[in-house]
């Protein structure tokens, strides 16, 4: 085996990029949940509870 062909490199590289994207998405969701709770708490202290219709 002389290594990977260019098409195999693109295939496996694409899989690797998709995995990294999925990990980054999970990290972003966790971060936004944490910061969202902090922001909601601050806004409730300043403006009161949100009244949704």
N, C-alpha and C. Protein backbone atom coordinates (compact mmCIF):
# COMPACT_ATOMS: atom_id res chain seq x y z
N UNK A 1 0.85 -1.18 0.00
CA UNK A 1 0.00 0.00 0.00
C UNK A 1 0.89 1.23 0.00
N UNK A 2 0.68 2.10 -0.94
CA UNK A 2 1.50 3.29 -1.11
C UNK A 2 0.87 4.53 -0.52
N UNK A 3 0.01 4.39 0.44
CA UNK A 3 -0.66 5.55 1.01
C UNK A 3 -2.06 5.67 0.46
N UNK A 4 -2.64 6.81 0.69
CA UNK A 4 -4.02 7.04 0.27
C UNK A 4 -4.05 7.77 -1.07
N UNK A 5 -5.04 7.44 -1.87
CA UNK A 5 -5.23 8.15 -3.12
C UNK A 5 -5.87 9.50 -2.81
N UNK A 6 -5.78 10.46 -3.72
CA UNK A 6 -6.39 11.77 -3.46
C UNK A 6 -7.90 11.68 -3.17
N UNK A 7 -8.60 10.78 -3.81
CA UNK A 7 -10.03 10.67 -3.54
C UNK A 7 -10.29 10.10 -2.14
N UNK A 8 -9.44 9.19 -1.68
CA UNK A 8 -9.58 8.67 -0.32
C UNK A 8 -9.26 9.75 0.71
N UNK A 9 -8.26 10.56 0.42
CA UNK A 9 -7.92 11.66 1.33
C UNK A 9 -9.09 12.62 1.45
N UNK A 10 -9.73 12.95 0.33
CA UNK A 10 -10.89 13.84 0.38
C UNK A 10 -12.05 13.18 1.12
N UNK A 11 -12.27 11.90 0.92
CA UNK A 11 -13.36 11.19 1.58
C UNK A 11 -13.16 11.17 3.08
N UNK A 12 -12.01 10.69 3.53
CA UNK A 12 -11.75 10.60 4.96
C UNK A 12 -11.57 11.98 5.59
N UNK A 13 -11.04 12.92 4.83
CA UNK A 13 -10.93 14.29 5.32
C UNK A 13 -12.31 14.90 5.54
N UNK A 14 -13.24 14.61 4.65
CA UNK A 14 -14.62 15.09 4.80
C UNK A 14 -15.29 14.49 6.03
N UNK A 15 -15.04 13.22 6.27
CA UNK A 15 -15.59 12.58 7.47
C UNK A 15 -15.01 13.23 8.72
N UNK A 16 -13.70 13.50 8.71
CA UNK A 16 -13.05 14.13 9.86
C UNK A 16 -13.61 15.53 10.11
N UNK A 17 -13.82 16.29 9.05
CA UNK A 17 -14.36 17.64 9.18
C UNK A 17 -15.79 17.59 9.74
N UNK A 18 -16.59 16.64 9.28
CA UNK A 18 -17.95 16.51 9.80
C UNK A 18 -17.95 16.14 11.28
N UNK A 19 -17.03 15.28 11.70
CA UNK A 19 -16.93 14.92 13.12
C UNK A 19 -16.54 16.14 13.95
N UNK A 20 -15.57 16.91 13.48
CA UNK A 20 -15.17 18.12 14.19
C UNK A 20 -16.31 19.12 14.27
N UNK A 21 -17.08 19.22 13.19
CA UNK A 21 -18.22 20.13 13.18
C UNK A 21 -19.28 19.70 14.19
N UNK A 22 -19.52 18.41 14.28
CA UNK A 22 -20.50 17.90 15.25
C UNK A 22 -20.05 18.19 16.68
N UNK A 23 -18.77 17.99 16.96
CA UNK A 23 -18.24 18.29 18.30
C UNK A 23 -18.35 19.77 18.61
N UNK A 24 -18.02 20.61 17.64
CA UNK A 24 -18.12 22.06 17.83
C UNK A 24 -19.57 22.48 18.05
N UNK A 25 -20.52 21.86 17.35
CA UNK A 25 -21.93 22.18 17.53
C UNK A 25 -22.41 21.83 18.93
N UNK A 26 -21.98 20.69 19.45
CA UNK A 26 -22.36 20.29 20.80
C UNK A 26 -21.78 21.27 21.82
N UNK A 27 -20.53 21.68 21.62
CA UNK A 27 -19.90 22.66 22.51
C UNK A 27 -20.65 23.99 22.48
N UNK A 28 -21.05 24.43 21.30
CA UNK A 28 -21.79 25.68 21.17
C UNK A 28 -23.15 25.60 21.86
N UNK A 29 -23.85 24.49 21.71
CA UNK A 29 -25.15 24.34 22.35
C UNK A 29 -24.99 24.41 23.87
N UNK A 30 -23.99 23.74 24.41
CA UNK A 30 -23.76 23.78 25.85
C UNK A 30 -23.42 25.20 26.30
N UNK A 31 -22.55 25.86 25.57
CA UNK A 31 -22.16 27.23 25.91
C UNK A 31 -23.35 28.18 25.86
N UNK A 32 -24.18 28.07 24.83
CA UNK A 32 -25.35 28.95 24.70
C UNK A 32 -26.38 28.67 25.79
N UNK A 33 -26.52 27.42 26.21
CA UNK A 33 -27.44 27.11 27.31
C UNK A 33 -26.97 27.77 28.60
N UNK A 34 -25.67 27.70 28.88
CA UNK A 34 -25.13 28.28 30.11
C UNK A 34 -25.24 29.79 30.09
N UNK A 35 -24.81 30.42 29.00
CA UNK A 35 -24.85 31.88 28.93
C UNK A 35 -26.29 32.38 28.84
N UNK A 36 -27.17 31.61 28.23
CA UNK A 36 -28.58 32.00 28.14
C UNK A 36 -29.22 32.06 29.51
N UNK A 37 -28.89 31.12 30.37
CA UNK A 37 -29.44 31.13 31.72
C UNK A 37 -28.95 32.35 32.49
N UNK A 38 -27.66 32.68 32.32
CA UNK A 38 -27.10 33.84 33.02
C UNK A 38 -27.76 35.13 32.52
N UNK A 39 -27.91 35.25 31.22
CA UNK A 39 -28.52 36.45 30.64
C UNK A 39 -29.98 36.56 31.07
N UNK A 40 -30.71 35.44 31.05
CA UNK A 40 -32.12 35.45 31.45
C UNK A 40 -32.25 35.89 32.91
N UNK A 41 -31.36 35.41 33.76
CA UNK A 41 -31.39 35.77 35.17
C UNK A 41 -31.15 37.27 35.36
N UNK A 42 -30.18 37.82 34.64
CA UNK A 42 -29.89 39.25 34.72
C UNK A 42 -31.07 40.08 34.22
N UNK A 43 -31.66 39.66 33.09
CA UNK A 43 -32.79 40.40 32.54
C UNK A 43 -34.01 40.34 33.45
N UNK A 44 -34.23 39.21 34.10
CA UNK A 44 -35.35 39.11 35.04
C UNK A 44 -35.14 40.01 36.24
N UNK A 45 -33.90 40.17 36.69
CA UNK A 45 -33.62 41.07 37.80
C UNK A 45 -33.87 42.52 37.40
N UNK A 46 -33.53 42.88 36.17
CA UNK A 46 -33.68 44.27 35.72
C UNK A 46 -35.10 44.60 35.29
N UNK A 47 -35.76 43.68 34.59
CA UNK A 47 -37.05 43.99 33.97
C UNK A 47 -38.22 43.17 34.50
N UNK A 48 -37.97 42.19 35.32
CA UNK A 48 -39.05 41.34 35.82
C UNK A 48 -39.26 40.13 34.93
N UNK A 49 -40.24 39.31 35.32
CA UNK A 49 -40.52 38.09 34.57
C UNK A 49 -41.08 38.41 33.19
N UNK A 50 -40.79 37.52 32.25
CA UNK A 50 -41.30 37.65 30.89
C UNK A 50 -42.72 37.16 30.84
N UNK A 51 -43.61 37.96 30.27
CA UNK A 51 -45.02 37.57 30.13
C UNK A 51 -45.27 37.26 28.66
N UNK A 52 -45.34 35.97 28.36
CA UNK A 52 -45.59 35.55 26.97
C UNK A 52 -47.07 35.42 26.73
N UNK A 53 -47.48 35.77 25.54
CA UNK A 53 -48.90 35.71 25.19
C UNK A 53 -49.22 34.47 24.42
